[in-house]
Every structure is written in C-alpha cells, then in structure tokens.
Amino acid sequence: SAFGLLDVSAQPVSGATLADLDPLERE
C-alpha cells in the first residue's frame, strides 16, 4: 500500500457484513 501497489481501503473486511454499516452514519 505504501508503494501504491495495493489499495487496502478498497478491500473487503474479513468477517464484516452489511449489518455493520450504521444508518445514522449514512445520515
């Protein structure tokens, strides 16, 4: 990621589901 060869922030997070996204934070 430091060399720009991989965008870690675009990768899926292991064990995460859509329920982990907070509707209040979307607002």
mmCIF file of all heavy atoms, coordinates in Angstrom:
data_MODEL
# 
_entry.id   MODEL 
# 
loop_
_atom_site.group_PDB 
_atom_site.id 
_atom_site.type_symbol 
_atom_site.label_atom_id 
_atom_site.label_alt_id 
_atom_site.label_comp_id 
_atom_site.label_asym_id 
_atom_site.label_entity_id 
_atom_site.label_seq_id 
_atom_site.pdbx_PDB_ins_code 
_atom_site.Cartn_x 
_atom_site.Cartn_y 
_atom_site.Cartn_z 
_atom_site.occupancy 
_atom_site.B_iso_or_equiv 
_atom_site.pdbx_formal_charge 
_atom_site.auth_seq_id 
_atom_site.auth_comp_id 
_atom_site.auth_asym_id 
_atom_site.auth_atom_id 
_atom_site.pdbx_PDB_model_num 
ATOM 1   N N   . SER A 1 1  ? 0.831   -1.208  0.000  1.00 0.00 ? 1  SER A N   1 
ATOM 2   C CA  . SER A 1 1  ? 0.000   0.000   0.000  1.00 0.00 ? 1  SER A CA  1 
ATOM 3   C C   . SER A 1 1  ? 0.862   1.253   0.000  1.00 0.00 ? 1  SER A C   1 
ATOM 4   O O   . SER A 1 1  ? 0.509   2.263   -0.616 1.00 0.00 ? 1  SER A O   1 
ATOM 5   C CB  . SER A 1 1  ? -0.952  -0.007  1.199  1.00 0.00 ? 1  SER A CB  1 
ATOM 6   O OG  . SER A 1 1  ? -0.249  0.087   2.411  1.00 0.00 ? 1  SER A OG  1 
ATOM 7   N N   . ALA A 1 2  ? 2.017   1.205   0.682  1.00 0.00 ? 2  ALA A N   1 
ATOM 8   C CA  . ALA A 1 2  ? 2.923   2.364   0.693  1.00 0.00 ? 2  ALA A CA  1 
ATOM 9   C C   . ALA A 1 2  ? 3.501   2.626   -0.688 1.00 0.00 ? 2  ALA A C   1 
ATOM 10  O O   . ALA A 1 2  ? 3.815   3.768   -1.033 1.00 0.00 ? 2  ALA A O   1 
ATOM 11  C CB  . ALA A 1 2  ? 4.044   2.141   1.704  1.00 0.00 ? 2  ALA A CB  1 
ATOM 12  N N   . PHE A 1 3  ? 3.642   1.590   -1.514 1.00 0.00 ? 3  PHE A N   1 
ATOM 13  C CA  . PHE A 1 3  ? 4.169   1.732   -2.863 1.00 0.00 ? 3  PHE A CA  1 
ATOM 14  C C   . PHE A 1 3  ? 3.067   2.016   -3.883 1.00 0.00 ? 3  PHE A C   1 
ATOM 15  O O   . PHE A 1 3  ? 3.334   2.167   -5.065 1.00 0.00 ? 3  PHE A O   1 
ATOM 16  C CB  . PHE A 1 3  ? 4.917   0.462   -3.281 1.00 0.00 ? 3  PHE A CB  1 
ATOM 17  C CG  . PHE A 1 3  ? 6.360   0.444   -2.872 1.00 0.00 ? 3  PHE A CG  1 
ATOM 18  C CD1 . PHE A 1 3  ? 6.734   0.003   -1.629 1.00 0.00 ? 3  PHE A CD1 1 
ATOM 19  C CD2 . PHE A 1 3  ? 7.343   0.889   -3.731 1.00 0.00 ? 3  PHE A CD2 1 
ATOM 20  C CE1 . PHE A 1 3  ? 8.064   -0.016  -1.239 1.00 0.00 ? 3  PHE A CE1 1 
ATOM 21  C CE2 . PHE A 1 3  ? 8.673   0.880   -3.360 1.00 0.00 ? 3  PHE A CE2 1 
ATOM 22  C CZ  . PHE A 1 3  ? 9.035   0.432   -2.108 1.00 0.00 ? 3  PHE A CZ  1 
ATOM 23  N N   . GLY A 1 4  ? 1.818   2.034   -3.414 1.00 0.00 ? 4  GLY A N   1 
ATOM 24  C CA  . GLY A 1 4  ? 0.710   2.247   -4.341 1.00 0.00 ? 4  GLY A CA  1 
ATOM 25  C C   . GLY A 1 4  ? 0.385   1.027   -5.166 1.00 0.00 ? 4  GLY A C   1 
ATOM 26  O O   . GLY A 1 4  ? -0.288  1.132   -6.198 1.00 0.00 ? 4  GLY A O   1 
ATOM 27  N N   . LEU A 1 5  ? 0.844   -0.151  -4.735 1.00 0.00 ? 5  LEU A N   1 
ATOM 28  C CA  . LEU A 1 5  ? 0.580   -1.380  -5.481 1.00 0.00 ? 5  LEU A CA  1 
ATOM 29  C C   . LEU A 1 5  ? -0.731  -2.032  -5.058 1.00 0.00 ? 5  LEU A C   1 
ATOM 30  O O   . LEU A 1 5  ? -1.244  -2.906  -5.757 1.00 0.00 ? 5  LEU A O   1 
ATOM 31  C CB  . LEU A 1 5  ? 1.733   -2.372  -5.260 1.00 0.00 ? 5  LEU A CB  1 
ATOM 32  C CG  . LEU A 1 5  ? 3.129   -1.864  -5.643 1.00 0.00 ? 5  LEU A CG  1 
ATOM 33  C CD1 . LEU A 1 5  ? 4.189   -2.881  -5.242 1.00 0.00 ? 5  LEU A CD1 1 
ATOM 34  C CD2 . LEU A 1 5  ? 3.190   -1.586  -7.139 1.00 0.00 ? 5  LEU A CD2 1 
ATOM 35  N N   . LEU A 1 6  ? -1.263  -1.621  -3.925 1.00 0.00 ? 6  LEU A N   1 
ATOM 36  C CA  . LEU A 1 6  ? -2.484  -2.214  -3.399 1.00 0.00 ? 6  LEU A CA  1 
ATOM 37  C C   . LEU A 1 6  ? -3.266  -1.156  -2.634 1.00 0.00 ? 6  LEU A C   1 
ATOM 38  O O   . LEU A 1 6  ? -2.700  -0.449  -1.817 1.00 0.00 ? 6  LEU A O   1 
ATOM 39  C CB  . LEU A 1 6  ? -2.144  -3.392  -2.461 1.00 0.00 ? 6  LEU A CB  1 
ATOM 40  C CG  . LEU A 1 6  ? -3.303  -4.043  -1.715 1.00 0.00 ? 6  LEU A CG  1 
ATOM 41  C CD1 . LEU A 1 6  ? -4.192  -4.800  -2.702 1.00 0.00 ? 6  LEU A CD1 1 
ATOM 42  C CD2 . LEU A 1 6  ? -2.779  -4.995  -0.637 1.00 0.00 ? 6  LEU A CD2 1 
ATOM 43  N N   . ASP A 1 7  ? -4.564  -1.068  -2.930 1.00 0.00 ? 7  ASP A N   1 
ATOM 44  C CA  . ASP A 1 7  ? -5.424  -0.155  -2.188 1.00 0.00 ? 7  ASP A CA  1 
ATOM 45  C C   . ASP A 1 7  ? -6.151  -0.954  -1.117 1.00 0.00 ? 7  ASP A C   1 
ATOM 46  O O   . ASP A 1 7  ? -7.181  -1.578  -1.375 1.00 0.00 ? 7  ASP A O   1 
ATOM 47  C CB  . ASP A 1 7  ? -6.421  0.524   -3.122 1.00 0.00 ? 7  ASP A CB  1 
ATOM 48  C CG  . ASP A 1 7  ? -7.293  1.546   -2.397 1.00 0.00 ? 7  ASP A CG  1 
ATOM 49  O OD1 . ASP A 1 7  ? -7.101  1.730   -1.175 1.00 0.00 ? 7  ASP A OD1 1 
ATOM 50  O OD2 . ASP A 1 7  ? -8.161  2.148   -3.054 1.00 0.00 ? 7  ASP A OD2 1 
ATOM 51  N N   . VAL A 1 8  ? -5.594  -0.942  0.080  1.00 0.00 ? 8  VAL A N   1 
ATOM 52  C CA  . VAL A 1 8  ? -6.165  -1.716  1.178  1.00 0.00 ? 8  VAL A CA  1 
ATOM 53  C C   . VAL A 1 8  ? -7.570  -1.230  1.514  1.00 0.00 ? 8  VAL A C   1 
ATOM 54  O O   . VAL A 1 8  ? -8.455  -2.021  1.865  1.00 0.00 ? 8  VAL A O   1 
ATOM 55  C CB  . VAL A 1 8  ? -5.250  -1.625  2.416  1.00 0.00 ? 8  VAL A CB  1 
ATOM 56  C CG1 . VAL A 1 8  ? -5.873  -2.339  3.608  1.00 0.00 ? 8  VAL A CG1 1 
ATOM 57  C CG2 . VAL A 1 8  ? -3.890  -2.217  2.112  1.00 0.00 ? 8  VAL A CG2 1 
ATOM 58  N N   . SER A 1 9  ? -7.809  0.083   1.378  1.00 0.00 ? 9  SER A N   1 
ATOM 59  C CA  . SER A 1 9  ? -9.104  0.633   1.775  1.00 0.00 ? 9  SER A CA  1 
ATOM 60  C C   . SER A 1 9  ? -10.236 0.186   0.870  1.00 0.00 ? 9  SER A C   1 
ATOM 61  O O   . SER A 1 9  ? -11.409 0.312   1.228  1.00 0.00 ? 9  SER A O   1 
ATOM 62  C CB  . SER A 1 9  ? -9.037  2.165   1.822  1.00 0.00 ? 9  SER A CB  1 
ATOM 63  O OG  . SER A 1 9  ? -8.775  2.703   0.539  1.00 0.00 ? 9  SER A OG  1 
ATOM 64  N N   . ALA A 1 10 ? -9.908  -0.345  -0.321 1.00 0.00 ? 10 ALA A N   1 
ATOM 65  C CA  . ALA A 1 10 ? -10.950 -0.843  -1.230 1.00 0.00 ? 10 ALA A CA  1 
ATOM 66  C C   . ALA A 1 10 ? -11.233 -2.324  -1.029 1.00 0.00 ? 10 ALA A C   1 
ATOM 67  O O   . ALA A 1 10 ? -12.170 -2.857  -1.637 1.00 0.00 ? 10 ALA A O   1 
ATOM 68  C CB  . ALA A 1 10 ? -10.539 -0.581  -2.679 1.00 0.00 ? 10 ALA A CB  1 
ATOM 69  N N   . GLN A 1 11 ? -10.449 -2.984  -0.189 1.00 0.00 ? 11 GLN A N   1 
ATOM 70  C CA  . GLN A 1 11 ? -10.603 -4.430  0.006  1.00 0.00 ? 11 GLN A CA  1 
ATOM 71  C C   . GLN A 1 11 ? -11.719 -4.726  1.010  1.00 0.00 ? 11 GLN A C   1 
ATOM 72  O O   . GLN A 1 11 ? -11.975 -3.940  1.929  1.00 0.00 ? 11 GLN A O   1 
ATOM 73  C CB  . GLN A 1 11 ? -9.293  -5.037  0.523  1.00 0.00 ? 11 GLN A CB  1 
ATOM 74  C CG  . GLN A 1 11 ? -8.081  -4.759  -0.352 1.00 0.00 ? 11 GLN A CG  1 
ATOM 75  C CD  . GLN A 1 11 ? -8.259  -5.261  -1.755 1.00 0.00 ? 11 GLN A CD  1 
ATOM 76  O OE1 . GLN A 1 11 ? -8.606  -6.429  -1.960 1.00 0.00 ? 11 GLN A OE1 1 
ATOM 77  N NE2 . GLN A 1 11 ? -8.054  -4.399  -2.747 1.00 0.00 ? 11 GLN A NE2 1 
ATOM 78  N N   . PRO A 1 12 ? -12.428 -5.872  0.840  1.00 0.00 ? 12 PRO A N   1 
ATOM 79  C CA  . PRO A 1 12 ? -13.450 -6.247  1.830  1.00 0.00 ? 12 PRO A CA  1 
ATOM 80  C C   . PRO A 1 12 ? -12.814 -6.566  3.175  1.00 0.00 ? 12 PRO A C   1 
ATOM 81  O O   . PRO A 1 12 ? -11.674 -7.040  3.248  1.00 0.00 ? 12 PRO A O   1 
ATOM 82  C CB  . PRO A 1 12 ? -14.098 -7.491  1.198  1.00 0.00 ? 12 PRO A CB  1 
ATOM 83  C CG  . PRO A 1 12 ? -13.082 -8.028  0.245  1.00 0.00 ? 12 PRO A CG  1 
ATOM 84  C CD  . PRO A 1 12 ? -12.309 -6.851  -0.261 1.00 0.00 ? 12 PRO A CD  1 
ATOM 85  N N   . VAL A 1 13 ? -13.548 -6.282  4.237  1.00 0.00 ? 13 VAL A N   1 
ATOM 86  C CA  . VAL A 1 13 ? -13.062 -6.553  5.588  1.00 0.00 ? 13 VAL A CA  1 
ATOM 87  C C   . VAL A 1 13 ? -13.539 -7.938  6.003  1.00 0.00 ? 13 VAL A C   1 
ATOM 88  O O   . VAL A 1 13 ? -14.741 -8.221  5.980  1.00 0.00 ? 13 VAL A O   1 
ATOM 89  C CB  . VAL A 1 13 ? -13.577 -5.484  6.576  1.00 0.00 ? 13 VAL A CB  1 
ATOM 90  C CG1 . VAL A 1 13 ? -13.120 -5.815  7.996  1.00 0.00 ? 13 VAL A CG1 1 
ATOM 91  C CG2 . VAL A 1 13 ? -13.086 -4.102  6.160  1.00 0.00 ? 13 VAL A CG2 1 
ATOM 92  N N   . SER A 1 14 ? -12.600 -8.785  6.356  1.00 0.00 ? 14 SER A N   1 
ATOM 93  C CA  . SER A 1 14 ? -12.939 -10.155 6.727  1.00 0.00 ? 14 SER A CA  1 
ATOM 94  C C   . SER A 1 14 ? -13.885 -10.177 7.927  1.00 0.00 ? 14 SER A C   1 
ATOM 95  O O   . SER A 1 14 ? -13.630 -9.525  8.942  1.00 0.00 ? 14 SER A O   1 
ATOM 96  C CB  . SER A 1 14 ? -11.662 -10.936 7.066  1.00 0.00 ? 14 SER A CB  1 
ATOM 97  O OG  . SER A 1 14 ? -11.960 -12.242 7.481  1.00 0.00 ? 14 SER A OG  1 
ATOM 98  N N   . GLY A 1 15 ? -14.977 -10.908 7.787  1.00 0.00 ? 15 GLY A N   1 
ATOM 99  C CA  . GLY A 1 15 ? -15.931 -11.063 8.887  1.00 0.00 ? 15 GLY A CA  1 
ATOM 100 C C   . GLY A 1 15 ? -16.991 -9.984  8.958  1.00 0.00 ? 15 GLY A C   1 
ATOM 101 O O   . GLY A 1 15 ? -17.927 -10.082 9.754  1.00 0.00 ? 15 GLY A O   1 
ATOM 102 N N   . ALA A 1 16 ? -16.892 -8.944  8.131  1.00 0.00 ? 16 ALA A N   1 
ATOM 103 C CA  . ALA A 1 16 ? -17.862 -7.846  8.165  1.00 0.00 ? 16 ALA A CA  1 
ATOM 104 C C   . ALA A 1 16 ? -19.076 -8.169  7.312  1.00 0.00 ? 16 ALA A C   1 
ATOM 105 O O   . ALA A 1 16 ? -18.984 -8.877  6.289  1.00 0.00 ? 16 ALA A O   1 
ATOM 106 C CB  . ALA A 1 16 ? -17.220 -6.555  7.678  1.00 0.00 ? 16 ALA A CB  1 
ATOM 107 N N   . THR A 1 17 ? -20.233 -7.651  7.706  1.00 0.00 ? 17 THR A N   1 
ATOM 108 C CA  . THR A 1 17 ? -21.472 -7.799  6.940  1.00 0.00 ? 17 THR A CA  1 
ATOM 109 C C   . THR A 1 17 ? -22.107 -6.431  6.774  1.00 0.00 ? 17 THR A C   1 
ATOM 110 O O   . THR A 1 17 ? -21.705 -5.449  7.417  1.00 0.00 ? 17 THR A O   1 
ATOM 111 C CB  . THR A 1 17 ? -22.457 -8.730  7.668  1.00 0.00 ? 17 THR A CB  1 
ATOM 112 O OG1 . THR A 1 17 ? -22.893 -8.097  8.884  1.00 0.00 ? 17 THR A OG1 1 
ATOM 113 C CG2 . THR A 1 17 ? -21.808 -10.074 8.002  1.00 0.00 ? 17 THR A CG2 1 
ATOM 114 N N   . LEU A 1 18 ? -23.130 -6.361  5.927  1.00 0.00 ? 18 LEU A N   1 
ATOM 115 C CA  . LEU A 1 18 ? -23.802 -5.088  5.700  1.00 0.00 ? 18 LEU A CA  1 
ATOM 116 C C   . LEU A 1 18 ? -24.452 -4.552  6.963  1.00 0.00 ? 18 LEU A C   1 
ATOM 117 O O   . LEU A 1 18 ? -24.649 -3.333  7.095  1.00 0.00 ? 18 LEU A O   1 
ATOM 118 C CB  . LEU A 1 18 ? -24.846 -5.237  4.591  1.00 0.00 ? 18 LEU A CB  1 
ATOM 119 C CG  . LEU A 1 18 ? -24.300 -5.537  3.186  1.00 0.00 ? 18 LEU A CG  1 
ATOM 120 C CD1 . LEU A 1 18 ? -25.444 -5.659  2.188  1.00 0.00 ? 18 LEU A CD1 1 
ATOM 121 C CD2 . LEU A 1 18 ? -23.315 -4.461  2.734  1.00 0.00 ? 18 LEU A CD2 1 
ATOM 122 N N   . ALA A 1 19 ? -24.765 -5.440  7.900  1.00 0.00 ? 19 ALA A N   1 
ATOM 123 C CA  . ALA A 1 19 ? -25.354 -5.005  9.167  1.00 0.00 ? 19 ALA A CA  1 
ATOM 124 C C   . ALA A 1 19 ? -24.375 -4.191  10.002 1.00 0.00 ? 19 ALA A C   1 
ATOM 125 O O   . ALA A 1 19 ? -24.785 -3.508  10.949 1.00 0.00 ? 19 ALA A O   1 
ATOM 126 C CB  . ALA A 1 19 ? -25.838 -6.220  9.960  1.00 0.00 ? 19 ALA A CB  1 
ATOM 127 N N   . ASP A 1 20 ? -23.082 -4.249  9.651  1.00 0.00 ? 20 ASP A N   1 
ATOM 128 C CA  . ASP A 1 20 ? -22.072 -3.482  10.395 1.00 0.00 ? 20 ASP A CA  1 
ATOM 129 C C   . ASP A 1 20 ? -22.014 -2.022  9.948  1.00 0.00 ? 20 ASP A C   1 
ATOM 130 O O   . ASP A 1 20 ? -21.278 -1.227  10.540 1.00 0.00 ? 20 ASP A O   1 
ATOM 131 C CB  . ASP A 1 20 ? -20.692 -4.125  10.232 1.00 0.00 ? 20 ASP A CB  1 
ATOM 132 C CG  . ASP A 1 20 ? -20.606 -5.487  10.895 1.00 0.00 ? 20 ASP A CG  1 
ATOM 133 O OD1 . ASP A 1 20 ? -21.144 -5.631  12.006 1.00 0.00 ? 20 ASP A OD1 1 
ATOM 134 O OD2 . ASP A 1 20 ? -20.024 -6.419  10.298 1.00 0.00 ? 20 ASP A OD2 1 
ATOM 135 N N   . LEU A 1 21 ? -22.766 -1.663  8.896  1.00 0.00 ? 21 LEU A N   1 
ATOM 136 C CA  . LEU A 1 21 ? -22.834 -0.272  8.449  1.00 0.00 ? 21 LEU A CA  1 
ATOM 137 C C   . LEU A 1 21 ? -23.996 0.410   9.164  1.00 0.00 ? 21 LEU A C   1 
ATOM 138 O O   . LEU A 1 21 ? -25.101 -0.120  9.230  1.00 0.00 ? 21 LEU A O   1 
ATOM 139 C CB  . LEU A 1 21 ? -23.007 -0.210  6.931  1.00 0.00 ? 21 LEU A CB  1 
ATOM 140 C CG  . LEU A 1 21 ? -21.892 -0.874  6.111  1.00 0.00 ? 21 LEU A CG  1 
ATOM 141 C CD1 . LEU A 1 21 ? -22.157 -0.722  4.618  1.00 0.00 ? 21 LEU A CD1 1 
ATOM 142 C CD2 . LEU A 1 21 ? -20.525 -0.319  6.468  1.00 0.00 ? 21 LEU A CD2 1 
ATOM 143 N N   . ASP A 1 22 ? -23.739 1.604   9.690  1.00 0.00 ? 22 ASP A N   1 
ATOM 144 C CA  . ASP A 1 22 ? -24.682 2.282   10.563 1.00 0.00 ? 22 ASP A CA  1 
ATOM 145 C C   . ASP A 1 22 ? -25.524 3.300   9.777  1.00 0.00 ? 22 ASP A C   1 
ATOM 146 O O   . ASP A 1 22 ? -24.981 4.241   9.189  1.00 0.00 ? 22 ASP A O   1 
ATOM 147 C CB  . ASP A 1 22 ? -23.893 3.012   11.663 1.00 0.00 ? 22 ASP A CB  1 
ATOM 148 C CG  . ASP A 1 22 ? -24.786 3.556   12.764 1.00 0.00 ? 22 ASP A CG  1 
ATOM 149 O OD1 . ASP A 1 22 ? -25.996 3.664   12.550 1.00 0.00 ? 22 ASP A OD1 1 
ATOM 150 O OD2 . ASP A 1 22 ? -24.242 3.879   13.842 1.00 0.00 ? 22 ASP A OD2 1 
ATOM 151 N N   . PRO A 1 23 ? -26.864 3.143   9.758  1.00 0.00 ? 23 PRO A N   1 
ATOM 152 C CA  . PRO A 1 23 ? -27.731 4.104   9.053  1.00 0.00 ? 23 PRO A CA  1 
ATOM 153 C C   . PRO A 1 23 ? -27.563 5.535   9.570  1.00 0.00 ? 23 PRO A C   1 
ATOM 154 O O   . PRO A 1 23 ? -27.679 6.495   8.799  1.00 0.00 ? 23 PRO A O   1 
ATOM 155 C CB  . PRO A 1 23 ? -29.147 3.584   9.333  1.00 0.00 ? 23 PRO A CB  1 
ATOM 156 C CG  . PRO A 1 23 ? -28.974 2.145   9.692  1.00 0.00 ? 23 PRO A CG  1 
ATOM 157 C CD  . PRO A 1 23 ? -27.639 2.044   10.361 1.00 0.00 ? 23 PRO A CD  1 
ATOM 158 N N   . LEU A 1 24 ? -27.280 5.689   10.865 1.00 0.00 ? 24 LEU A N   1 
ATOM 159 C CA  . LEU A 1 24 ? -27.087 7.033   11.422 1.00 0.00 ? 24 LEU A CA  1 
ATOM 160 C C   . LEU A 1 24 ? -25.840 7.695   10.834 1.00 0.00 ? 24 LEU A C   1 
ATOM 161 O O   . LEU A 1 24 ? -25.818 8.910   10.621 1.00 0.00 ? 24 LEU A O   1 
ATOM 162 C CB  . LEU A 1 24 ? -26.979 6.955   12.946 1.00 0.00 ? 24 LEU A CB  1 
ATOM 163 C CG  . LEU A 1 24 ? -28.249 6.506   13.683 1.00 0.00 ? 24 LEU A CG  1 
ATOM 164 C CD1 . LEU A 1 24 ? -27.984 6.421   15.187 1.00 0.00 ? 24 LEU A CD1 1 
ATOM 165 C CD2 . LEU A 1 24 ? -29.402 7.464   13.397 1.00 0.00 ? 24 LEU A CD2 1 
ATOM 166 N N   . GLU A 1 25 ? -24.823 6.893   10.572 1.00 0.00 ? 25 GLU A N   1 
ATOM 167 C CA  . GLU A 1 25 ? -23.603 7.454   9.988  1.00 0.00 ? 25 GLU A CA  1 
ATOM 168 C C   . GLU A 1 25 ? -23.809 7.809   8.520  1.00 0.00 ? 25 GLU A C   1 
ATOM 169 O O   . GLU A 1 25 ? -23.196 8.754   8.014  1.00 0.00 ? 25 GLU A O   1 
ATOM 170 C CB  . GLU A 1 25 ? -22.428 6.482   10.151 1.00 0.00 ? 25 GLU A CB  1 
ATOM 171 C CG  . GLU A 1 25 ? -21.977 6.318   11.588 1.00 0.00 ? 25 GLU A CG  1 
ATOM 172 C CD  . GLU A 1 25 ? -21.600 7.642   12.237 1.00 0.00 ? 25 GLU A CD  1 
ATOM 173 O OE1 . GLU A 1 25 ? -20.927 8.466   11.593 1.00 0.00 ? 25 GLU A OE1 1 
ATOM 174 O OE2 . GLU A 1 25 ? -21.995 7.864   13.400 1.00 0.00 ? 25 GLU A OE2 1 
ATOM 175 N N   . ARG A 1 26 ? -24.686 7.060   7.823  1.00 0.00 ? 26 ARG A N   1 
ATOM 176 C CA  . ARG A 1 26 ? -25.031 7.443   6.452  1.00 0.00 ? 26 ARG A CA  1 
ATOM 177 C C   . ARG A 1 26 ? -25.713 8.812   6.443  1.00 0.00 ? 26 ARG A C   1 
ATOM 178 O O   . ARG A 1 26 ? -25.459 9.642   5.574  1.00 0.00 ? 26 ARG A O   1 
ATOM 179 C CB  . ARG A 1 26 ? -25.957 6.390   5.826  1.00 0.00 ? 26 ARG A CB  1 
ATOM 180 C CG  . ARG A 1 26 ? -25.230 5.297   5.056  1.00 0.00 ? 26 ARG A CG  1 
ATOM 181 C CD  . ARG A 1 26 ? -26.161 4.633   4.065  1.00 0.00 ? 26 ARG A CD  1 
ATOM 182 N NE  . ARG A 1 26 ? -25.648 3.311   3.749  1.00 0.00 ? 26 ARG A NE  1 
ATOM 183 C CZ  . ARG A 1 26 ? -25.969 2.218   4.431  1.00 0.00 ? 26 ARG A CZ  1 
ATOM 184 N NH1 . ARG A 1 26 ? -26.808 2.304   5.460  1.00 0.00 ? 26 ARG A NH1 1 
ATOM 185 N NH2 . ARG A 1 26 ? -25.461 1.057   4.092  1.00 0.00 ? 26 ARG A NH2 1 
ATOM 186 N N   . GLU A 1 27 ? -26.599 9.017   7.409  1.00 0.00 ? 27 GLU A N   1 
ATOM 187 C CA  . GLU A 1 27 ? -27.275 10.310  7.502  1.00 0.00 ? 27 GLU A CA  1 
ATOM 188 C C   . GLU A 1 27 ? -26.272 11.404  7.837  1.00 0.00 ? 27 GLU A C   1 
ATOM 189 O O   . GLU A 1 27 ? -26.351 12.529  7.317  1.00 0.00 ? 27 GLU A O   1 
ATOM 190 C CB  . GLU A 1 27 ? -28.369 10.250  8.571  1.00 0.00 ? 27 GLU A CB  1 
ATOM 191 C CG  . GLU A 1 27 ? -29.161 11.542  8.708  1.00 0.00 ? 27 GLU A CG  1 
ATOM 192 C CD  . GLU A 1 27 ? -29.818 11.979  7.417  1.00 0.00 ? 27 GLU A CD  1 
ATOM 193 O OE1 . GLU A 1 27 ? -30.175 11.108  6.584  1.00 0.00 ? 27 GLU A OE1 1 
ATOM 194 O OE2 . GLU A 1 27 ? -29.963 13.208  7.217  1.00 0.00 ? 27 GLU A OE2 1 
# 
